[in-house]
N, C-alpha and C. Protein backbone atom coordinates (compact mmCIF):
# COMPACT_ATOMS: atom_id res chain seq x y z
N UNK A 1 26.42 -19.99 5.96
CA UNK A 1 25.03 -20.52 5.70
C UNK A 1 23.88 -18.95 5.88
N UNK A 2 23.40 -19.34 5.18
CA UNK A 2 22.18 -18.18 4.58
C UNK A 2 21.49 -17.23 5.51
N UNK A 3 21.29 -16.29 5.76
CA UNK A 3 20.19 -15.58 6.67
C UNK A 3 18.76 -15.47 6.47
N UNK A 4 17.95 -15.31 6.44
CA UNK A 4 16.56 -15.00 6.19
C UNK A 4 16.61 -13.17 6.25
N UNK A 5 16.12 -13.14 5.21
CA UNK A 5 15.57 -12.01 4.44
C UNK A 5 17.49 -11.11 3.96
N UNK A 6 18.61 -10.84 3.72
CA UNK A 6 19.31 -10.98 3.45
C UNK A 6 19.43 -11.72 1.19
N UNK A 7 19.74 -10.48 1.04
CA UNK A 7 19.88 -10.85 -0.39
C UNK A 7 21.36 -11.18 -0.85
N UNK A 8 22.49 -9.89 -1.05
CA UNK A 8 23.48 -10.25 0.05
C UNK A 8 24.59 -10.46 0.86
N UNK A 9 25.65 -11.13 0.74
CA UNK A 9 26.40 -10.47 2.51
C UNK A 9 26.24 -8.65 2.23
N UNK A 10 26.34 -8.13 3.31
CA UNK A 10 26.09 -6.66 4.03
C UNK A 10 25.49 -6.15 3.69
N UNK A 11 23.58 -6.54 2.59
CA UNK A 11 22.27 -6.47 2.39
C UNK A 11 21.62 -5.97 3.58
N UNK A 12 20.33 -4.62 3.62
CA UNK A 12 19.57 -4.58 4.26
C UNK A 12 18.46 -5.68 4.46
N UNK A 13 18.71 -5.68 4.85
CA UNK A 13 16.74 -7.18 5.40
C UNK A 13 15.85 -5.97 4.99
N UNK A 14 14.91 -6.78 4.23
CA UNK A 14 14.23 -5.24 2.99
C UNK A 14 12.85 -5.67 4.17
N UNK A 15 12.32 -3.67 3.45
CA UNK A 15 10.97 -2.90 4.50
C UNK A 15 9.82 -4.35 3.93
N UNK A 16 10.03 -4.38 3.16
CA UNK A 16 8.31 -5.10 1.66
C UNK A 16 7.79 -6.05 2.87
N UNK A 17 6.89 -6.26 2.82
CA UNK A 17 5.07 -7.41 3.71
C UNK A 17 4.20 -7.49 2.25
N UNK A 18 3.97 -8.47 2.71
CA UNK A 18 3.61 -9.38 1.93
C UNK A 18 2.34 -8.94 1.31
N UNK A 19 1.92 -7.43 2.90
CA UNK A 19 0.19 -7.28 2.72
C UNK A 19 -0.08 -6.22 2.10
N UNK A 20 1.32 -5.13 2.18
CA UNK A 20 2.00 -4.02 1.69
C UNK A 20 0.74 -3.48 0.17
N UNK A 21 1.41 -4.71 -1.19
CA UNK A 21 -0.24 -4.90 -2.36
C UNK A 21 -1.85 -4.59 -1.81
N UNK A 22 -1.91 -4.59 -0.68
CA UNK A 22 -3.21 -4.58 -0.34
C UNK A 22 -3.63 -3.13 -0.35
N UNK A 23 -2.85 -2.50 0.97
CA UNK A 23 -2.65 -1.30 1.79
C UNK A 23 -2.48 -0.03 0.10
N UNK A 24 -1.38 -1.10 -0.19
CA UNK A 24 -1.31 0.50 -1.37
C UNK A 24 -2.39 0.48 -1.94
N UNK A 25 -3.43 -0.34 -2.48
CA UNK A 25 -4.71 -0.47 -3.07
C UNK A 25 -5.18 0.71 -2.99
N UNK A 26 -6.09 1.32 -1.59
CA UNK A 26 -6.37 1.15 -0.69
C UNK A 26 -6.07 2.61 -0.51
N UNK A 27 -4.54 2.44 -0.18
CA UNK A 27 -5.15 4.23 -0.39
C UNK A 27 -4.33 4.69 -1.43
N UNK A 28 -4.00 3.90 -2.92
CA UNK A 28 -4.91 4.81 -4.43
C UNK A 28 -5.55 5.77 -3.94
N UNK A 29 -6.81 4.32 -3.92
CA UNK A 29 -8.42 5.30 -4.21
C UNK A 29 -8.41 5.93 -2.89
N UNK A 30 -8.28 5.24 -2.33
CA UNK A 30 -8.28 6.69 -0.88
C UNK A 30 -8.08 9.20 -2.08
N UNK A 31 -6.60 8.20 -3.28
CA UNK A 31 -5.56 9.22 -3.43
C UNK A 31 -4.31 10.31 -3.41
N UNK A 32 -3.71 9.35 -2.73
CA UNK A 32 -2.50 8.70 -1.77
C UNK A 32 -1.97 9.47 -3.31
N UNK A 33 -0.74 9.74 -2.79
CA UNK A 33 0.17 9.94 -4.05
C UNK A 33 1.94 9.02 -3.73
N UNK A 34 2.69 9.14 -4.10
CA UNK A 34 3.98 7.77 -4.07
C UNK A 34 4.84 8.56 -2.75
N UNK A 35 4.83 9.33 -2.42
CA UNK A 35 5.15 10.76 -1.53
C UNK A 35 4.36 10.06 -0.11
N UNK A 36 3.23 10.26 -0.62
CA UNK A 36 2.16 10.19 0.71
C UNK A 36 2.09 8.14 1.48
N UNK A 37 2.40 7.49 0.20
CA UNK A 37 1.89 5.85 0.32
C UNK A 37 3.87 5.88 1.12
N UNK A 38 5.63 6.51 0.76
CA UNK A 38 6.60 6.45 1.49
C UNK A 38 6.49 6.21 2.82
N UNK A 39 5.16 7.11 3.12
CA UNK A 39 5.80 7.77 4.90
C UNK A 39 4.28 6.97 5.18
N UNK A 40 3.54 6.59 4.69
CA UNK A 40 3.29 4.83 5.01
C UNK A 40 3.28 4.03 5.76
N UNK A 41 4.60 4.30 4.87
CA UNK A 41 5.25 2.05 5.04
C UNK A 41 7.10 2.66 5.75
N UNK A 42 7.22 3.85 5.73
CA UNK A 42 8.22 3.74 6.48
C UNK A 42 8.52 3.82 5.84
N UNK A 43 9.35 4.95 4.52
CA UNK A 43 10.12 4.53 3.13
C UNK A 43 11.03 6.16 2.57
N UNK A 44 11.21 6.06 2.20
CA UNK A 44 11.51 6.56 1.55
C UNK A 44 11.15 6.75 0.10
N UNK A 45 11.45 7.77 -0.31
CA UNK A 45 10.17 7.12 -1.71
C UNK A 45 11.12 6.99 -2.84
N UNK A 46 12.78 6.87 -3.43
CA UNK A 46 12.89 5.97 -3.91
C UNK A 46 13.15 4.52 -3.48
N UNK A 47 12.42 4.28 -2.40
CA UNK A 47 12.80 2.52 -2.05
C UNK A 47 11.65 2.33 -2.47
N UNK A 48 10.84 2.73 -2.50
CA UNK A 48 8.28 2.89 -3.36
C UNK A 48 9.28 3.07 -4.93
N UNK A 49 9.77 3.87 -4.66
CA UNK A 49 9.52 3.30 -6.51
C UNK A 49 10.32 1.76 -7.12
N UNK A 50 11.61 1.85 -6.11
CA UNK A 50 11.82 -0.17 -5.64
C UNK A 50 11.11 -0.64 -6.42
N UNK A 51 10.54 -1.06 -5.09
CA UNK A 51 9.50 -1.78 -5.19
C UNK A 51 7.86 -1.55 -5.85
N UNK A 52 8.25 -0.93 -7.09
CA UNK A 52 7.04 -1.09 -8.00
C UNK A 52 7.87 -0.83 -9.23
N UNK A 53 9.53 -0.82 -9.48
CA UNK A 53 10.08 -0.90 -10.53
C UNK A 53 10.26 -3.37 -10.18
N UNK A 54 10.84 -3.22 -9.12
CA UNK A 54 10.89 -4.36 -8.86
C UNK A 54 9.42 -5.81 -8.19
N UNK A 55 8.72 -5.01 -8.11
CA UNK A 55 7.09 -6.07 -7.55
C UNK A 55 6.08 -6.17 -8.63
N UNK A 56 6.02 -6.29 -9.29
CA UNK A 56 4.88 -6.29 -9.60
C UNK A 56 3.14 -6.51 -8.75
N UNK A 57 3.52 -7.11 -8.50
CA UNK A 57 1.93 -7.50 -7.60
C UNK A 57 1.74 -6.07 -7.08
N UNK A 58 3.12 -5.25 -6.32
CA UNK A 58 2.53 -3.98 -5.45
C UNK A 58 2.47 -2.70 -6.53
N UNK A 59 3.42 -2.46 -7.85
CA UNK A 59 2.41 -2.05 -9.17
C UNK A 59 1.76 -1.74 -9.25
N UNK A 60 0.98 -2.89 -9.07
CA UNK A 60 -0.51 -3.27 -10.04
C UNK A 60 -1.28 -3.11 -9.45
N UNK A 61 -0.92 -2.31 -8.40
CA UNK A 61 -2.62 -2.71 -7.20
C UNK A 61 -2.39 -1.23 -6.44
N UNK A 62 -0.61 -0.76 -6.95
CA UNK A 62 -1.59 1.32 -7.49
C UNK A 62 -2.02 1.90 -8.50
N UNK A 63 -1.73 1.35 -9.17
CA UNK A 63 -2.08 1.17 -10.61
C UNK A 63 -4.21 1.27 -10.49
N UNK A 64 -4.40 0.22 -9.50
CA UNK A 64 -5.69 -0.45 -9.73
C UNK A 64 -6.40 0.83 -9.45
N UNK A 65 -5.36 0.99 -7.63
CA UNK A 65 -5.83 2.09 -7.07
C UNK A 65 -6.45 3.58 -7.22
N UNK A 66 -5.43 3.31 -8.12
CA UNK A 66 -5.62 4.89 -8.89
C UNK A 66 -6.41 5.30 -9.82
N UNK A 67 -7.37 3.71 -11.03
CA UNK A 67 -7.88 4.20 -11.36
C UNK A 67 -9.31 4.62 -11.21
N UNK A 68 -9.86 5.55 -12.42
CA UNK A 68 -10.77 5.87 -11.59
C UNK A 68 -12.38 4.97 -11.34
N UNK A 69 -12.79 5.12 -9.97
CA UNK A 69 -14.18 4.78 -9.73
C UNK A 69 -15.43 4.51 -10.57
N UNK A 70 -15.38 2.71 -10.69
CA UNK A 70 -17.02 3.02 -11.55
C UNK A 70 -17.75 2.03 -10.91
N UNK A 71 -19.27 1.89 -12.12
CA UNK A 71 -20.84 1.39 -10.80
C UNK A 71 -19.69 -0.33 -9.99
N UNK A 72 -20.34 -0.59 -9.03
CA UNK A 72 -19.99 -1.38 -8.76
C UNK A 72 -18.46 -2.65 -8.15
N UNK A 73 -17.55 -1.41 -8.38
CA UNK A 73 -17.18 -1.54 -8.26
C UNK A 73 -15.48 -0.91 -6.75
N UNK A 74 -16.96 -0.15 -6.20
CA UNK A 74 -16.95 1.36 -4.54
C UNK A 74 -16.63 0.07 -3.93
N UNK A 75 -17.23 -1.52 -3.69
CA UNK A 75 -17.55 -1.68 -2.56
C UNK A 75 -16.74 -1.60 -1.10
N UNK A 76 -15.04 -2.36 -1.64
CA UNK A 76 -14.04 -1.56 -0.61
C UNK A 76 -14.01 -0.27 0.13
N UNK A 77 -13.70 0.45 -1.42
CA UNK A 77 -14.16 2.31 -1.02
C UNK A 77 -15.33 2.67 -0.47
N UNK A 78 -15.94 2.14 -0.27
CA UNK A 78 -17.03 2.06 0.52
C UNK A 78 -17.13 1.89 2.31
N UNK A 79 -17.05 0.54 2.14
CA UNK A 79 -16.28 0.18 3.20
C UNK A 79 -15.37 0.77 4.33
N UNK A 80 -14.26 0.52 3.19
CA UNK A 80 -13.18 1.76 3.81
C UNK A 80 -13.64 3.58 4.18
N UNK A 81 -14.92 4.68 3.97
CA UNK A 81 -14.82 5.70 4.27
C UNK A 81 -16.28 5.12 6.03
N UNK A 82 -17.06 4.40 5.64
CA UNK A 82 -17.49 3.70 6.25
C UNK A 82 -17.41 3.99 7.67
N UNK A 83 -16.15 2.94 7.37
CA UNK A 83 -15.39 2.76 9.16
C UNK A 83 -14.63 3.49 9.42
N UNK A 84 -13.69 4.86 8.12
CA UNK A 84 -13.14 6.04 9.02
C UNK A 84 -15.21 7.03 9.68
N UNK A 85 -15.98 6.70 9.26
CA UNK A 85 -17.10 7.87 9.58
C UNK A 85 -17.15 7.62 11.03
N UNK A 86 -17.67 5.66 10.81
CA UNK A 86 -17.85 5.26 12.89
C UNK A 86 -16.38 5.44 13.69
N UNK A 87 -15.72 5.24 13.14
CA UNK A 87 -14.35 6.33 13.69
C UNK A 87 -14.27 7.49 14.29
N UNK A 88 -14.25 8.06 12.89
CA UNK A 88 -14.39 9.75 13.54
C UNK A 88 -15.77 10.12 14.14
N UNK A 89 -16.34 9.31 14.59
CA UNK A 89 -18.41 9.51 15.14
C UNK A 89 -18.69 8.35 16.76
N UNK A 90 -17.12 7.97 17.26
CA UNK A 90 -16.72 7.92 18.28
C UNK A 90 -16.82 6.17 19.37
N UNK A 91 -16.97 6.02 17.24
CA UNK A 91 -17.24 4.01 17.86
C UNK A 91 -16.77 3.54 16.69
N UNK A 92 -16.32 3.02 17.33
CA UNK A 92 -15.23 1.56 16.75
C UNK A 92 -15.62 0.25 16.01
N UNK A 93 -16.75 0.41 17.34
CA UNK A 93 -17.20 -1.55 16.63
C UNK A 93 -17.92 -1.87 16.14
């Protein structure tokens, strides 16, 4: 019987989730390096490197997030900063 989340017998299930590319892109745009991303995803840096090597969507999201922000492409970054400011001022709604 094939167990869900296992690649081979004896391997541990992957910690990778489908929403990680989106999260990684946002964090990379905020200046997070690989070590910081690994901490956010609760994995070791070699695991993050493995994800980047084997999951093109994840690697591409980090590359896009680390590109300089150009005029018109900063709406997401502005929304994240605005949300942080709201939380810092004590309002979450």
